[in-house]
Amino acid sequence: MGLLEIKAFIKSVSDMQYADAILVSWVDNRTSDCCSWERIKCNATTGWVMELSLSDAIRVNSNDVSDGFPIINMSLFVPFQELHVLDLWNNRFEGWEENK
């Protein structure tokens, strides 16, 4: 569920013309294994998420940044107790909120 919340956030701050192309393997389906989703690596023993590679995940129209760049809510990552690598490179975050 935490991964789907991250996907929803990324889609909400992205340009809507790209919405259908964002993290397409991340689906709300009980038969889908999140460890096989794009941009995720899991611990082989526990099955918990160890790495999230979200570089360039936010898609914006470079001609329209009138609303400014997004602020990320870092509490989105609290559920990931075994997260060791979080790659947020090149998403142009303006800042972050620790808790929301």
PDB file of N, CA and C in Angstrom:
ATOM      1  N   MET A   1       0.825  -1.192   0.000  1.00  0.00           N
ATOM      2  CA  MET A   1       0.000   0.000   0.000  1.00  0.00           C
ATOM      3  C   MET A   1       0.870   1.258   0.000  1.00  0.00           C
ATOM      4  N   GLY A   2       1.998   1.200   0.707  1.00  0.00           N
ATOM      5  CA  GLY A   2       2.892   2.349   0.749  1.00  0.00           C
ATOM      6  C   GLY A   2       3.428   2.714  -0.618  1.00  0.00           C
ATOM      7  N   LEU A   3       3.730   1.725  -1.423  1.00  0.00           N
ATOM      8  CA  LEU A   3       4.228   1.980  -2.773  1.00  0.00           C
ATOM      9  C   LEU A   3       3.152   2.638  -3.630  1.00  0.00           C
ATOM     10  N   LEU A   4       1.917   2.212  -3.468  1.00  0.00           N
ATOM     11  CA  LEU A   4       0.829   2.812  -4.235  1.00  0.00           C
ATOM     12  C   LEU A   4       0.571   4.245  -3.806  1.00  0.00           C
ATOM     13  N   GLU A   5       0.812   4.557  -2.539  1.00  0.00           N
ATOM     14  CA  GLU A   5       0.698   5.948  -2.079  1.00  0.00           C
ATOM     15  C   GLU A   5       1.793   6.807  -2.710  1.00  0.00           C
ATOM     16  N   ILE A   6       2.992   6.258  -2.838  1.00  0.00           N
ATOM     17  CA  ILE A   6       4.080   6.985  -3.498  1.00  0.00           C
ATOM     18  C   ILE A   6       3.725   7.224  -4.961  1.00  0.00           C
ATOM     19  N   LYS A   7       3.188   6.195  -5.632  1.00  0.00           N
ATOM     20  CA  LYS A   7       2.789   6.348  -7.031  1.00  0.00           C
ATOM     21  C   LYS A   7       1.722   7.433  -7.161  1.00  0.00           C
ATOM     22  N   ALA A   8       0.743   7.432  -6.281  1.00  0.00           N
ATOM     23  CA  ALA A   8      -0.324   8.441  -6.332  1.00  0.00           C
ATOM     24  C   ALA A   8       0.260   9.847  -6.162  1.00  0.00           C
ATOM     25  N   PHE A   9       1.222  10.003  -5.252  1.00  0.00           N
ATOM     26  CA  PHE A   9       1.865  11.304  -5.068  1.00  0.00           C
ATOM     27  C   PHE A   9       2.590  11.727  -6.339  1.00  0.00           C
ATOM     28  N   ILE A  10       3.370  10.827  -6.917  1.00  0.00           N
ATOM     29  CA  ILE A  10       4.142  11.152  -8.121  1.00  0.00           C
ATOM     30  C   ILE A  10       3.207  11.547  -9.264  1.00  0.00           C
ATOM     31  N   LYS A  11       2.125  10.811  -9.419  1.00  0.00           N
ATOM     32  CA  LYS A  11       1.162  11.166 -10.459  1.00  0.00           C
ATOM     33  C   LYS A  11       0.501  12.508 -10.178  1.00  0.00           C
ATOM     34  N   SER A  12       0.248  12.818  -8.913  1.00  0.00           N
ATOM     35  CA  SER A  12      -0.445  14.062  -8.567  1.00  0.00           C
ATOM     36  C   SER A  12       0.394  15.306  -8.840  1.00  0.00           C
ATOM     37  N   VAL A  13       1.709  15.171  -8.823  1.00  0.00           N
ATOM     38  CA  VAL A  13       2.569  16.333  -9.068  1.00  0.00           C
ATOM     39  C   VAL A  13       3.156  16.325 -10.477  1.00  0.00           C
ATOM     40  N   SER A  14       2.787  15.330 -11.268  1.00  0.00           N
ATOM     41  CA  SER A  14       3.268  15.237 -12.643  1.00  0.00           C
ATOM     42  C   SER A  14       2.254  15.854 -13.599  1.00  0.00           C
ATOM     43  N   ASP A  15       2.727  16.191 -14.766  1.00  0.00           N
ATOM     44  CA  ASP A  15       1.870  16.687 -15.829  1.00  0.00           C
ATOM     45  C   ASP A  15       0.906  15.569 -16.227  1.00  0.00           C
ATOM     46  N   MET A  16      -0.363  15.873 -16.308  1.00  0.00           N
ATOM     47  CA  MET A  16      -1.382  14.849 -16.567  1.00  0.00           C
ATOM     48  C   MET A  16      -1.193  14.130 -17.900  1.00  0.00           C
ATOM     49  N   GLN A  17      -0.531  14.746 -18.864  1.00  0.00           N
ATOM     50  CA  GLN A  17      -0.343  14.071 -20.146  1.00  0.00           C
ATOM     51  C   GLN A  17       0.564  12.852 -20.022  1.00  0.00           C
ATOM     52  N   TYR A  18       1.322  12.769 -18.923  1.00  0.00           N
ATOM     53  CA  TYR A  18       2.218  11.640 -18.703  1.00  0.00           C
ATOM     54  C   TYR A  18       1.665  10.614 -17.711  1.00  0.00           C
ATOM     55  N   ALA A  19       0.510  10.886 -17.128  1.00  0.00           N
ATOM     56  CA  ALA A  19      -0.004  10.089 -16.008  1.00  0.00           C
ATOM     57  C   ALA A  19      -0.071   8.591 -16.294  1.00  0.00           C
ATOM     58  N   ASP A  20      -0.471   8.206 -17.481  1.00  0.00           N
ATOM     59  CA  ASP A  20      -0.611   6.781 -17.796  1.00  0.00           C
ATOM     60  C   ASP A  20       0.723   6.075 -17.985  1.00  0.00           C
ATOM     61  N   ALA A  21       1.811   6.837 -18.097  1.00  0.00           N
ATOM     62  CA  ALA A  21       3.135   6.246 -18.334  1.00  0.00           C
ATOM     63  C   ALA A  21       3.993   6.196 -17.073  1.00  0.00           C
ATOM     64  N   ILE A  22       3.426   6.543 -15.933  1.00  0.00           N
ATOM     65  CA  ILE A  22       4.194   6.616 -14.687  1.00  0.00           C
ATOM     66  C   ILE A  22       4.033   5.329 -13.894  1.00  0.00           C
ATOM     67  N   LEU A  23       5.156   4.651 -13.651  1.00  0.00           N
ATOM     68  CA  LEU A  23       5.196   3.446 -12.817  1.00  0.00           C
ATOM     69  C   LEU A  23       4.081   2.466 -13.178  1.00  0.00           C
ATOM     70  N   VAL A  24       4.022   2.098 -14.436  1.00  0.00           N
ATOM     71  CA  VAL A  24       2.915   1.274 -14.937  1.00  0.00           C
ATOM     72  C   VAL A  24       2.860  -0.127 -14.325  1.00  0.00           C
ATOM     73  N   SER A  25       3.986  -0.638 -13.872  1.00  0.00           N
ATOM     74  CA  SER A  25       3.961  -1.982 -13.263  1.00  0.00           C
ATOM     75  C   SER A  25       3.450  -1.959 -11.822  1.00  0.00           C
ATOM     76  N   TRP A  26       3.340  -0.776 -11.232  1.00  0.00           N
ATOM     77  CA  TRP A  26       2.846  -0.654  -9.861  1.00  0.00           C
ATOM     78  C   TRP A  26       1.322  -0.667  -9.905  1.00  0.00           C
ATOM     79  N   VAL A  27       0.733  -1.820  -9.638  1.00  0.00           N
ATOM     80  CA  VAL A  27      -0.716  -1.972  -9.764  1.00  0.00           C
ATOM     81  C   VAL A  27      -1.333  -2.457  -8.456  1.00  0.00           C
ATOM     82  N   ASP A  28      -2.569  -2.045  -8.232  1.00  0.00           N
ATOM     83  CA  ASP A  28      -3.311  -2.460  -7.049  1.00  0.00           C
ATOM     84  C   ASP A  28      -4.014  -3.771  -7.387  1.00  0.00           C
ATOM     85  N   ASN A  29      -3.267  -4.855  -7.218  1.00  0.00           N
ATOM     86  CA  ASN A  29      -3.749  -6.174  -7.615  1.00  0.00           C
ATOM     87  C   ASN A  29      -3.147  -7.187  -6.637  1.00  0.00           C
ATOM     88  N   ARG A  30      -3.955  -7.924  -5.966  1.00  0.00           N
ATOM     89  CA  ARG A  30      -3.474  -8.853  -4.944  1.00  0.00           C
ATOM     90  C   ARG A  30      -2.529  -9.925  -5.494  1.00  0.00           C
ATOM     91  N   THR A  31      -2.601 -10.220  -6.775  1.00  0.00           N
ATOM     92  CA  THR A  31      -1.734 -11.246  -7.344  1.00  0.00           C
ATOM     93  C   THR A  31      -0.398 -10.686  -7.836  1.00  0.00           C
ATOM     94  N   SER A  32      -0.247  -9.366  -7.827  1.00  0.00           N
ATOM     95  CA  SER A  32       0.982  -8.740  -8.299  1.00  0.00           C
ATOM     96  C   SER A  32       2.002  -8.673  -7.158  1.00  0.00           C
ATOM     97  N   ASP A  33       3.219  -9.080  -7.444  1.00  0.00           N
ATOM     98  CA  ASP A  33       4.299  -9.059  -6.459  1.00  0.00           C
ATOM     99  C   ASP A  33       5.083  -7.758  -6.622  1.00  0.00           C
ATOM    100  N   CYS A  34       5.041  -6.901  -5.630  1.00  0.00           N
ATOM    101  CA  CYS A  34       5.709  -5.594  -5.739  1.00  0.00           C
ATOM    102  C   CYS A  34       7.216  -5.735  -5.929  1.00  0.00           C
ATOM    103  N   CYS A  35       7.783  -6.842  -5.550  1.00  0.00           N
ATOM    104  CA  CYS A  35       9.226  -7.047  -5.738  1.00  0.00           C
ATOM    105  C   CYS A  35       9.587  -7.229  -7.206  1.00  0.00           C
ATOM    106  N   SER A  36       8.593  -7.455  -8.046  1.00  0.00           N
ATOM    107  CA  SER A  36       8.845  -7.559  -9.485  1.00  0.00           C
ATOM    108  C   SER A  36       8.526  -6.258 -10.217  1.00  0.00           C
ATOM    109  N   TRP A  37       8.070  -5.257  -9.479  1.00  0.00           N
ATOM    110  CA  TRP A  37       7.739  -3.982 -10.103  1.00  0.00           C
ATOM    111  C   TRP A  37       9.009  -3.237 -10.493  1.00  0.00           C
ATOM    112  N   GLU A  38       8.877  -2.376 -11.486  1.00  0.00           N
ATOM    113  CA  GLU A  38       9.994  -1.552 -11.922  1.00  0.00           C
ATOM    114  C   GLU A  38      10.466  -0.641 -10.794  1.00  0.00           C
ATOM    115  N   ARG A  39      11.774  -0.396 -10.754  1.00  0.00           N
ATOM    116  CA  ARG A  39      12.412   0.544  -9.833  1.00  0.00           C
ATOM    117  C   ARG A  39      12.452   0.079  -8.375  1.00  0.00           C
ATOM    118  N   ILE A  40      12.210  -1.203  -8.131  1.00  0.00           N
ATOM    119  CA  ILE A  40      12.183  -1.726  -6.763  1.00  0.00           C
ATOM    120  C   ILE A  40      13.109  -2.934  -6.650  1.00  0.00           C
ATOM    121  N   LYS A  41      13.841  -2.992  -5.543  1.00  0.00           N
ATOM    122  CA  LYS A  41      14.604  -4.193  -5.203  1.00  0.00           C
ATOM    123  C   LYS A  41      14.207  -4.585  -3.788  1.00  0.00           C
ATOM    124  N   CYS A  42      13.983  -5.880  -3.604  1.00  0.00           N
ATOM    125  CA  CYS A  42      13.554  -6.387  -2.302  1.00  0.00           C
ATOM    126  C   CYS A  42      14.604  -7.307  -1.699  1.00  0.00           C
ATOM    127  N   ASN A  43      14.525  -7.464  -0.399  1.00  0.00           N
ATOM    128  CA  ASN A  43      15.343  -8.440   0.308  1.00  0.00           C
ATOM    129  C   ASN A  43      14.802  -9.821  -0.060  1.00  0.00           C
ATOM    130  N   ALA A  44      15.669 -10.688  -0.559  1.00  0.00           N
ATOM    131  CA  ALA A  44      15.241 -12.012  -1.022  1.00  0.00           C
ATOM    132  C   ALA A  44      14.677 -12.873   0.101  1.00  0.00           C
ATOM    133  N   THR A  45      15.127 -12.645   1.328  1.00  0.00           N
ATOM    134  CA  THR A  45      14.666 -13.445   2.465  1.00  0.00           C
ATOM    135  C   THR A  45      13.346 -12.929   3.027  1.00  0.00           C
ATOM    136  N   THR A  46      13.275 -11.621   3.290  1.00  0.00           N
ATOM    137  CA  THR A  46      12.095 -11.058   3.941  1.00  0.00           C
ATOM    138  C   THR A  46      11.030 -10.595   2.962  1.00  0.00           C
ATOM    139  N   GLY A  47      11.427 -10.276   1.726  1.00  0.00           N
ATOM    140  CA  GLY A  47      10.481  -9.746   0.753  1.00  0.00           C
ATOM    141  C   GLY A  47      10.188  -8.276   0.944  1.00  0.00           C
ATOM    142  N   TRP A  48      10.890  -7.629   1.862  1.00  0.00           N
ATOM    143  CA  TRP A  48      10.673  -6.217   2.128  1.00  0.00           C
ATOM    144  C   TRP A  48      11.471  -5.371   1.135  1.00  0.00           C
ATOM    145  N   VAL A  49      10.966  -4.182   0.846  1.00  0.00           N
ATOM    146  CA  VAL A  49      11.619  -3.270  -0.087  1.00  0.00           C
ATOM    147  C   VAL A  49      12.917  -2.745   0.526  1.00  0.00           C
ATOM    148  N   MET A  50      14.012  -2.918  -0.217  1.00  0.00           N
ATOM    149  CA  MET A  50      15.326  -2.421   0.220  1.00  0.00           C
ATOM    150  C   MET A  50      15.775  -1.210  -0.586  1.00  0.00           C
ATOM    151  N   GLU A  51      15.364  -1.131  -1.843  1.00  0.00           N
ATOM    152  CA  GLU A  51      15.784  -0.035  -2.716  1.00  0.00           C
ATOM    153  C   GLU A  51      14.600   0.485  -3.525  1.00  0.00           C
ATOM    154  N   LEU A  52      14.511   1.814  -3.582  1.00  0.00           N
ATOM    155  CA  LEU A  52      13.544   2.482  -4.442  1.00  0.00           C
ATOM    156  C   LEU A  52      14.318   3.430  -5.339  1.00  0.00           C
ATOM    157  N   SER A  53      14.250   3.206  -6.618  1.00  0.00           N
ATOM    158  CA  SER A  53      14.946   4.060  -7.576  1.00  0.00           C
ATOM    159  C   SER A  53      13.911   4.904  -8.304  1.00  0.00           C
ATOM    160  N   LEU A  54      13.682   6.096  -7.789  1.00  0.00           N
ATOM    161  CA  LEU A  54      12.648   6.967  -8.335  1.00  0.00           C
ATOM    162  C   LEU A  54      13.229   8.158  -9.090  1.00  0.00           C
ATOM    163  N   SER A  55      14.462   8.023  -9.572  1.00  0.00           N
ATOM    164  CA  SER A  55      15.049   9.125 -10.332  1.00  0.00           C
ATOM    165  C   SER A  55      14.231   9.369 -11.596  1.00  0.00           C
ATOM    166  N   ASP A  56      14.027  10.635 -11.907  1.00  0.00           N
ATOM    167  CA  ASP A  56      13.253  11.046 -13.097  1.00  0.00           C
ATOM    168  C   ASP A  56      11.831  10.498 -13.110  1.00  0.00           C
ATOM    169  N   ALA A  57      11.269  10.190 -11.965  1.00  0.00           N
ATOM    170  CA  ALA A  57       9.918   9.617 -11.928  1.00  0.00           C
ATOM    171  C   ALA A  57       8.845  10.677 -12.172  1.00  0.00           C
ATOM    172  N   ILE A  58       9.094  11.892 -11.731  1.00  0.00           N
ATOM    173  CA  ILE A  58       8.109  12.957 -11.910  1.00  0.00           C
ATOM    174  C   ILE A  58       8.254  13.530 -13.308  1.00  0.00           C
ATOM    175  N   ARG A  59       7.154  13.551 -14.022  1.00  0.00           N
ATOM    176  CA  ARG A  59       7.163  14.039 -15.398  1.00  0.00           C
ATOM    177  C   ARG A  59       6.448  15.384 -15.443  1.00  0.00           C
ATOM    178  N   VAL A  60       7.163  16.404 -15.830  1.00  0.00           N
ATOM    179  CA  VAL A  60       6.552  17.731 -15.961  1.00  0.00           C
ATOM    180  C   VAL A  60       6.832  18.277 -17.351  1.00  0.00           C
ATOM    181  N   ASN A  61       5.932  19.106 -17.801  1.00  0.00           N
ATOM    182  CA  ASN A  61       6.124  19.804 -19.057  1.00  0.00           C
ATOM    183  C   ASN A  61       7.090  20.944 -18.771  1.00  0.00           C
ATOM    184  N   SER A  62       8.261  20.918 -19.365  1.00  0.00           N
ATOM    185  CA  SER A  62       9.292  21.916 -19.061  1.00  0.00           C
ATOM    186  C   SER A  62       8.864  23.334 -19.426  1.00  0.00           C
ATOM    187  N   ASN A  63       7.834  23.474 -20.236  1.00  0.00           N
ATOM    188  CA  ASN A  63       7.348  24.806 -20.603  1.00  0.00           C
ATOM    189  C   ASN A  63       6.378  25.373 -19.579  1.00  0.00           C
ATOM    190  N   ASP A  64       5.931  24.541 -18.646  1.00  0.00           N
ATOM    191  CA  ASP A  64       4.919  24.990 -17.684  1.00  0.00           C
ATOM    192  C   ASP A  64       5.294  24.570 -16.262  1.00  0.00           C
ATOM    193  N   VAL A  65       6.038  25.403 -15.596  1.00  0.00           N
ATOM    194  CA  VAL A  65       6.349  25.172 -14.174  1.00  0.00           C
ATOM    195  C   VAL A  65       5.780  26.316 -13.346  1.00  0.00           C
ATOM    196  N   SER A  66       4.626  26.809 -13.778  1.00  0.00           N
ATOM    197  CA  SER A  66       4.006  27.959 -13.116  1.00  0.00           C
ATOM    198  C   SER A  66       3.645  27.682 -11.662  1.00  0.00           C
ATOM    199  N   ASP A  67       3.359  26.445 -11.335  1.00  0.00           N
ATOM    200  CA  ASP A  67       3.011  26.093  -9.960  1.00  0.00           C
ATOM    201  C   ASP A  67       4.243  25.845  -9.104  1.00  0.00           C
ATOM    202  N   GLY A  68       5.417  25.951  -9.687  1.00  0.00           N
ATOM    203  CA  GLY A  68       6.649  25.656  -8.964  1.00  0.00           C
ATOM    204  C   GLY A  68       6.912  24.165  -8.944  1.00  0.00           C
ATOM    205  N   PHE A  69       7.937  23.788  -8.246  1.00  0.00           N
ATOM    206  CA  PHE A  69       8.305  22.382  -8.170  1.00  0.00           C
ATOM    207  C   PHE A  69       7.703  21.763  -6.924  1.00  0.00           C
ATOM    208  N   PRO A  70       7.505  20.449  -6.920  1.00  0.00           N
ATOM    209  CA  PRO A  70       6.805  19.794  -5.797  1.00  0.00           C
ATOM    210  C   PRO A  70       7.624  19.751  -4.509  1.00  0.00           C
ATOM    211  N   ILE A  71       6.897  19.649  -3.424  1.00  0.00           N
ATOM    212  CA  ILE A  71       7.470  19.407  -2.104  1.00  0.00           C
ATOM    213  C   ILE A  71       7.106  17.978  -1.747  1.00  0.00           C
ATOM    214  N   ILE A  72       8.094  17.204  -1.347  1.00  0.00           N
ATOM    215  CA  ILE A  72       7.839  15.796  -1.050  1.00  0.00           C
ATOM    216  C   ILE A  72       7.582  15.590   0.436  1.00  0.00           C
ATOM    217  N   ASN A  73       6.631  14.742   0.719  1.00  0.00           N
ATOM    218  CA  ASN A  73       6.293  14.369   2.089  1.00  0.00           C
ATOM    219  C   ASN A  73       7.127  13.137   2.453  1.00  0.00           C
ATOM    220  N   MET A  74       8.144  13.315   3.268  1.00  0.00           N
ATOM    221  CA  MET A  74       9.059  12.218   3.597  1.00  0.00           C
ATOM    222  C   MET A  74       8.390  11.110   4.408  1.00  0.00           C
ATOM    223  N   SER A  75       7.237  11.382   4.999  1.00  0.00           N
ATOM    224  CA  SER A  75       6.555  10.330   5.753  1.00  0.00           C
ATOM    225  C   SER A  75       6.006   9.238   4.823  1.00  0.00           C
ATOM    226  N   LEU A  76       6.005   9.476   3.509  1.00  0.00           N
ATOM    227  CA  LEU A  76       5.617   8.427   2.565  1.00  0.00           C
ATOM    228  C   LEU A  76       6.537   7.211   2.673  1.00  0.00           C
ATOM    229  N   PHE A  77       7.759   7.423   3.179  1.00  0.00           N
ATOM    230  CA  PHE A  77       8.749   6.349   3.214  1.00  0.00           C
ATOM    231  C   PHE A  77       8.844   5.656   4.574  1.00  0.00           C
ATOM    232  N   VAL A  78       8.044   6.075   5.536  1.00  0.00           N
ATOM    233  CA  VAL A  78       8.058   5.478   6.880  1.00  0.00           C
ATOM    234  C   VAL A  78       7.737   3.988   6.869  1.00  0.00           C
ATOM    235  N   PRO A  79       6.802   3.507   6.045  1.00  0.00           N
ATOM    236  CA  PRO A  79       6.481   2.072   6.070  1.00  0.00           C
ATOM    237  C   PRO A  79       7.622   1.148   5.654  1.00  0.00           C
ATOM    238  N   PHE A  80       8.657   1.686   5.047  1.00  0.00           N
ATOM    239  CA  PHE A  80       9.716   0.854   4.495  1.00  0.00           C
ATOM    240  C   PHE A  80      10.856   0.703   5.488  1.00  0.00           C
ATOM    241  N   GLN A  81      10.701  -0.243   6.412  1.00  0.00           N
ATOM    242  CA  GLN A  81      11.632  -0.432   7.512  1.00  0.00           C
ATOM    243  C   GLN A  81      12.998  -0.922   7.075  1.00  0.00           C
ATOM    244  N   GLU A  82      13.090  -1.592   5.947  1.00  0.00           N
ATOM    245  CA  GLU A  82      14.373  -2.110   5.462  1.00  0.00           C
ATOM    246  C   GLU A  82      14.923  -1.300   4.293  1.00  0.00           C
ATOM    247  N   LEU A  83      14.373  -0.117   4.049  1.00  0.00           N
ATOM    248  CA  LEU A  83      14.826   0.707   2.935  1.00  0.00           C
ATOM    249  C   LEU A  83      16.228   1.232   3.204  1.00  0.00           C
ATOM    250  N   HIS A  84      17.159   0.856   2.330  1.00  0.00           N
ATOM    251  CA  HIS A  84      18.554   1.279   2.474  1.00  0.00           C
ATOM    252  C   HIS A  84      18.959   2.276   1.403  1.00  0.00           C
ATOM    253  N   VAL A  85      18.310   2.209   0.242  1.00  0.00           N
ATOM    254  CA  VAL A  85      18.643   3.090  -0.875  1.00  0.00           C
ATOM    255  C   VAL A  85      17.362   3.750  -1.371  1.00  0.00           C
ATOM    256  N   LEU A  86      17.382   5.078  -1.400  1.00  0.00           N
ATOM    257  CA  LEU A  86      16.270   5.854  -1.936  1.00  0.00           C
ATOM    258  C   LEU A  86      16.846   6.851  -2.926  1.00  0.00           C
ATOM    259  N   ASP A  87      16.578   6.633  -4.198  1.00  0.00           N
ATOM    260  CA  ASP A  87      17.094   7.483  -5.261  1.00  0.00           C
ATOM    261  C   ASP A  87      15.980   8.402  -5.740  1.00  0.00           C
ATOM    262  N   LEU A  88      16.109   9.683  -5.423  1.00  0.00           N
ATOM    263  CA  LEU A  88      15.127  10.689  -5.839  1.00  0.00           C
ATOM    264  C   LEU A  88      15.745  11.695  -6.816  1.00  0.00           C
ATOM    265  N   TRP A  89      16.862  11.349  -7.408  1.00  0.00           N
ATOM    266  CA  TRP A  89      17.609  12.247  -8.259  1.00  0.00           C
ATOM    267  C   TRP A  89      16.757  12.778  -9.424  1.00  0.00           C
ATOM    268  N   ASN A  90      16.947  14.032  -9.723  1.00  0.00           N
ATOM    269  CA  ASN A  90      16.377  14.692 -10.898  1.00  0.00           C
ATOM    270  C   ASN A  90      14.851  14.739 -10.916  1.00  0.00           C
ATOM    271  N   ASN A  91      14.248  14.913  -9.766  1.00  0.00           N
ATOM    272  CA  ASN A  91      12.803  15.115  -9.698  1.00  0.00           C
ATOM    273  C   ASN A  91      12.445  16.566  -9.399  1.00  0.00           C
ATOM    274  N   ARG A  92      13.446  17.379  -9.189  1.00  0.00           N
ATOM    275  CA  ARG A  92      13.277  18.820  -8.983  1.00  0.00           C
ATOM    276  C   ARG A  92      12.390  19.166  -7.791  1.00  0.00           C
ATOM    277  N   PHE A  93      12.573  18.448  -6.696  1.00  0.00           N
ATOM    278  CA  PHE A  93      11.817  18.792  -5.498  1.00  0.00           C
ATOM    279  C   PHE A  93      12.276  20.142  -4.971  1.00  0.00           C
ATOM    280  N   GLU A  94      11.312  20.945  -4.613  1.00  0.00           N
ATOM    281  CA  GLU A  94      11.615  22.267  -4.056  1.00  0.00           C
ATOM    282  C   GLU A  94      11.975  22.170  -2.580  1.00  0.00           C
ATOM    283  N   GLY A  95      11.518  21.129  -1.936  1.00  0.00           N
ATOM    284  CA  GLY A  95      11.786  20.931  -0.524  1.00  0.00           C
ATOM    285  C   GLY A  95      11.075  19.686  -0.041  1.00  0.00           C
ATOM    286  N   TRP A  96      11.009  19.535   1.273  1.00  0.00           N
ATOM    287  CA  TRP A  96      10.376  18.353   1.839  1.00  0.00           C
ATOM    288  C   TRP A  96       9.680  18.698   3.128  1.00  0.00           C
ATOM    289  N   GLU A  97       8.718  17.858   3.460  1.00  0.00           N
ATOM    290  CA  GLU A  97       8.009  17.908   4.731  1.00  0.00           C
ATOM    291  C   GLU A  97       8.387  16.634   5.460  1.00  0.00           C
ATOM    292  N   GLU A  98       8.733  16.763   6.738  1.00  0.00           N
ATOM    293  CA  GLU A  98       9.104  15.563   7.481  1.00  0.00           C
ATOM    294  C   GLU A  98       7.898  14.708   7.805  1.00  0.00           C
ATOM    295  N   ASN A  99       6.828  15.315   8.236  1.00  0.00           N
ATOM    296  CA  ASN A  99       5.611  14.579   8.585  1.00  0.00           C
ATOM    297  C   ASN A  99       4.422  15.369   8.109  1.00  0.00           C
ATOM    298  N   LYS A 100       3.414  14.647   7.661  1.00  0.00           N
ATOM    299  CA  LYS A 100       2.210  15.316   7.197  1.00  0.00           C
ATOM    300  C   LYS A 100       0.999  14.578   7.711  1.00  0.00           C
TER     301      LYS A 100
END
